[in-house]
């Protein structure tokens, strides 16, 4: 008989699945800690969710990103994933809303970060003596501006849906 070793990360991810749906990382950590002999911190939940999201197909499920700063009930949900990495979503309108809000929040964060970085790169270009280096920085700034515009447009589309 061959037994499979279950790592602490695998066990924590399994425990998180059992703790969902939840409203916050604190809520997840509290629920997991309440069922174990050791304390699970918010940082441990954060690391486990990052690992889970990067390996969703292997685990067979994931937790979609949620809108930042909100305090909606049960916004962290388990979303089943098949072995090919495709998401399976039922017709749960609450879950669909949390996923849409998470996507919009992530896109808004990307748009803001790209726009801020675009500005910083443009400033850096003005302080660069090399014409070639300045041109490369300005091209990169243009790329960041494009990504910011596309992300902002996607947010508008999600908000209109």
Protein backbone atom coordinates (compact mmCIF):
# COMPACT_ATOMS: atom_id res chain seq x y z
CA UNK A 1 0.00 0.00 0.00
CA UNK A 2 1.36 3.40 -1.02
CA UNK A 3 0.40 6.41 1.04
CA UNK A 4 0.60 9.93 -0.29
CA UNK A 5 2.32 12.50 1.88
CA UNK A 6 0.08 15.49 2.53
CA UNK A 7 2.04 18.68 3.10
CA UNK A 8 1.01 21.32 5.63
CA UNK A 9 0.10 23.59 2.71
CA UNK A 10 -2.13 20.89 1.21
CA UNK A 11 -3.82 20.37 4.58
CA UNK A 12 -4.36 24.12 5.07
CA UNK A 13 -5.84 24.42 1.58
CA UNK A 14 -8.20 21.54 2.36
CA UNK A 15 -9.18 23.23 5.63
CA UNK A 16 -9.82 26.52 3.81
CA UNK A 17 -12.16 24.70 1.42
CA UNK A 18 -14.14 23.46 4.43
CA UNK A 19 -14.23 27.00 5.90
CA UNK A 20 -15.81 28.60 2.82
CA UNK A 21 -17.82 30.62 2.06
CA UNK A 22 -16.36 33.37 4.23
CA UNK A 23 -16.35 37.15 4.44
CA UNK A 24 -12.65 37.85 5.10
CA UNK A 25 -9.22 36.30 5.53
CA UNK A 26 -9.72 36.82 9.26
CA UNK A 27 -12.96 34.87 9.09
CA UNK A 28 -11.22 32.01 7.24
CA UNK A 29 -8.28 31.97 9.69
CA UNK A 30 -10.64 31.92 12.66
CA UNK A 31 -12.71 29.06 11.26
CA UNK A 32 -9.65 26.99 10.40
CA UNK A 33 -8.04 27.68 13.79
CA UNK A 34 -11.24 26.70 15.58
CA UNK A 35 -11.04 23.20 14.11
CA UNK A 36 -7.31 22.64 14.68
CA UNK A 37 -4.91 22.44 17.59
CA UNK A 38 -2.80 25.26 16.17
CA UNK A 39 -3.53 28.84 15.23
CA UNK A 40 -3.84 29.76 11.58
CA UNK A 41 -2.84 33.35 10.86
CA UNK A 42 -4.17 35.68 8.19
CA UNK A 43 -0.71 35.56 6.58
CA UNK A 44 -0.94 31.77 6.36
CA UNK A 45 -4.35 32.07 4.68
CA UNK A 46 -2.95 34.68 2.27
CA UNK A 47 -0.01 32.43 1.33
CA UNK A 48 -2.23 29.37 0.97
CA UNK A 49 -4.67 31.20 -1.31
CA UNK A 50 -1.80 32.49 -3.47
CA UNK A 51 -0.48 28.92 -3.77
CA UNK A 52 -3.97 27.57 -4.48
CA UNK A 53 -4.64 30.15 -7.21
CA UNK A 54 -1.32 29.34 -8.89
CA UNK A 55 -2.10 25.60 -8.77
CA UNK A 56 -5.88 25.56 -9.18
CA UNK A 57 -6.00 22.75 -11.74
CA UNK A 58 -3.94 20.46 -9.50
CA UNK A 59 -6.18 21.09 -6.48
CA UNK A 60 -9.42 21.00 -8.47
CA UNK A 61 -10.68 24.31 -7.10
CA UNK A 62 -9.74 27.93 -6.47
CA UNK A 63 -10.91 31.06 -4.70
CA UNK A 64 -11.53 33.95 -7.10
CA UNK A 65 -10.15 37.37 -6.23
CA UNK A 66 -12.65 39.69 -4.57
CA UNK A 67 -13.07 43.43 -4.58
CA UNK A 68 -10.67 45.05 -2.14
CA UNK A 69 -11.92 46.94 0.89
CA UNK A 70 -15.45 45.60 0.72
CA UNK A 71 -17.00 43.74 3.61
CA UNK A 72 -19.62 41.73 1.76
CA UNK A 73 -20.83 38.55 3.41
CA UNK A 74 -19.50 35.28 2.03
CA UNK A 75 -17.49 36.96 -0.73
CA UNK A 76 -14.73 34.32 -0.60
CA UNK A 77 -16.10 31.23 -2.31
CA UNK A 78 -14.76 27.91 -3.55
CA UNK A 79 -14.93 27.60 -7.31
CA UNK A 80 -14.44 24.12 -8.74
CA UNK A 81 -11.88 23.72 -11.53
CA UNK A 82 -11.47 20.73 -13.81
CA UNK A 83 -8.04 19.21 -14.55
CA UNK A 84 -7.66 21.35 -17.68
CA UNK A 85 -7.97 24.51 -15.57
CA UNK A 86 -11.49 25.42 -16.70
CA UNK A 87 -13.74 27.01 -14.12
CA UNK A 88 -17.11 25.52 -13.32
CA UNK A 89 -19.64 28.08 -12.11
CA UNK A 90 -23.21 27.30 -11.29
CA UNK A 91 -26.02 29.79 -11.67
CA UNK A 92 -25.52 31.23 -8.18
CA UNK A 93 -26.09 34.94 -8.77
CA UNK A 94 -24.40 35.90 -5.47
CA UNK A 95 -21.25 33.99 -6.42
CA UNK A 96 -21.34 35.45 -9.91
CA UNK A 97 -21.60 38.94 -8.39
CA UNK A 98 -18.58 38.36 -6.14
CA UNK A 99 -16.56 37.10 -9.11
CA UNK A 100 -17.55 40.08 -11.24
CA UNK A 101 -16.73 42.52 -8.42
CA UNK A 102 -13.38 40.81 -7.89
CA UNK A 103 -12.54 41.00 -11.59
CA UNK A 104 -13.53 44.67 -11.72
CA UNK A 105 -11.52 45.45 -8.59
CA UNK A 106 -8.45 43.68 -9.94
CA UNK A 107 -8.75 45.45 -13.28
CA UNK A 108 -9.16 48.82 -11.55
CA UNK A 109 -6.03 48.15 -9.51
CA UNK A 110 -4.15 47.22 -12.70
CA UNK A 111 -5.36 50.38 -14.45
CA UNK A 112 -4.26 52.57 -11.56
CA UNK A 113 -0.87 50.89 -11.21
CA UNK A 114 -0.19 51.05 -14.97
CA UNK A 115 -1.12 54.73 -15.13
CA UNK A 116 1.09 55.55 -12.14
CA UNK A 117 3.98 53.59 -13.62
CA UNK A 118 3.47 55.19 -17.04
CA UNK A 119 3.92 58.59 -15.44
CA UNK A 120 7.05 57.48 -13.55
CA UNK A 121 8.58 56.03 -16.72
CA UNK A 122 7.89 59.26 -18.64
CA UNK A 123 9.66 61.22 -15.90
CA UNK A 124 12.58 58.78 -16.01
CA UNK A 125 12.79 59.25 -19.79
CA UNK A 126 13.20 63.01 -19.38
CA UNK A 127 16.22 62.38 -17.14
CA UNK A 128 17.91 60.01 -19.59
CA UNK A 129 20.69 61.30 -21.83
CA UNK A 130 20.74 58.41 -24.29
CA UNK A 131 18.33 58.99 -27.15
CA UNK A 132 17.88 55.23 -27.63
CA UNK A 133 17.24 54.62 -23.92
CA UNK A 134 14.79 57.54 -23.84
CA UNK A 135 12.93 56.12 -26.86
CA UNK A 136 12.73 52.68 -25.22
CA UNK A 137 11.38 54.20 -22.00
CA UNK A 138 8.79 56.22 -23.90
CA UNK A 139 7.72 53.10 -25.83
CA UNK A 140 7.38 51.24 -22.53
CA UNK A 141 5.33 54.13 -21.12
CA UNK A 142 3.07 53.91 -24.19
CA UNK A 143 2.60 50.18 -23.54
CA UNK A 144 1.69 50.86 -19.90
CA UNK A 145 -0.79 53.56 -21.00
CA UNK A 146 -2.39 51.07 -23.41
CA UNK A 147 -2.77 48.45 -20.68
CA UNK A 148 -4.28 51.08 -18.36
CA UNK A 149 -6.82 52.11 -21.02
CA UNK A 150 -7.76 48.49 -21.78
CA UNK A 151 -8.17 47.66 -18.08
CA UNK A 152 -10.32 50.77 -17.51
CA UNK A 153 -12.48 49.86 -20.53
CA UNK A 154 -12.94 46.33 -19.18
CA UNK A 155 -14.03 47.76 -15.82
CA UNK A 156 -16.63 49.91 -17.58
CA UNK A 157 -17.92 46.83 -19.45
CA UNK A 158 -18.18 44.81 -16.24
CA UNK A 159 -19.97 47.67 -14.49
CA UNK A 160 -22.45 47.93 -17.39
CA UNK A 161 -23.19 44.19 -17.39
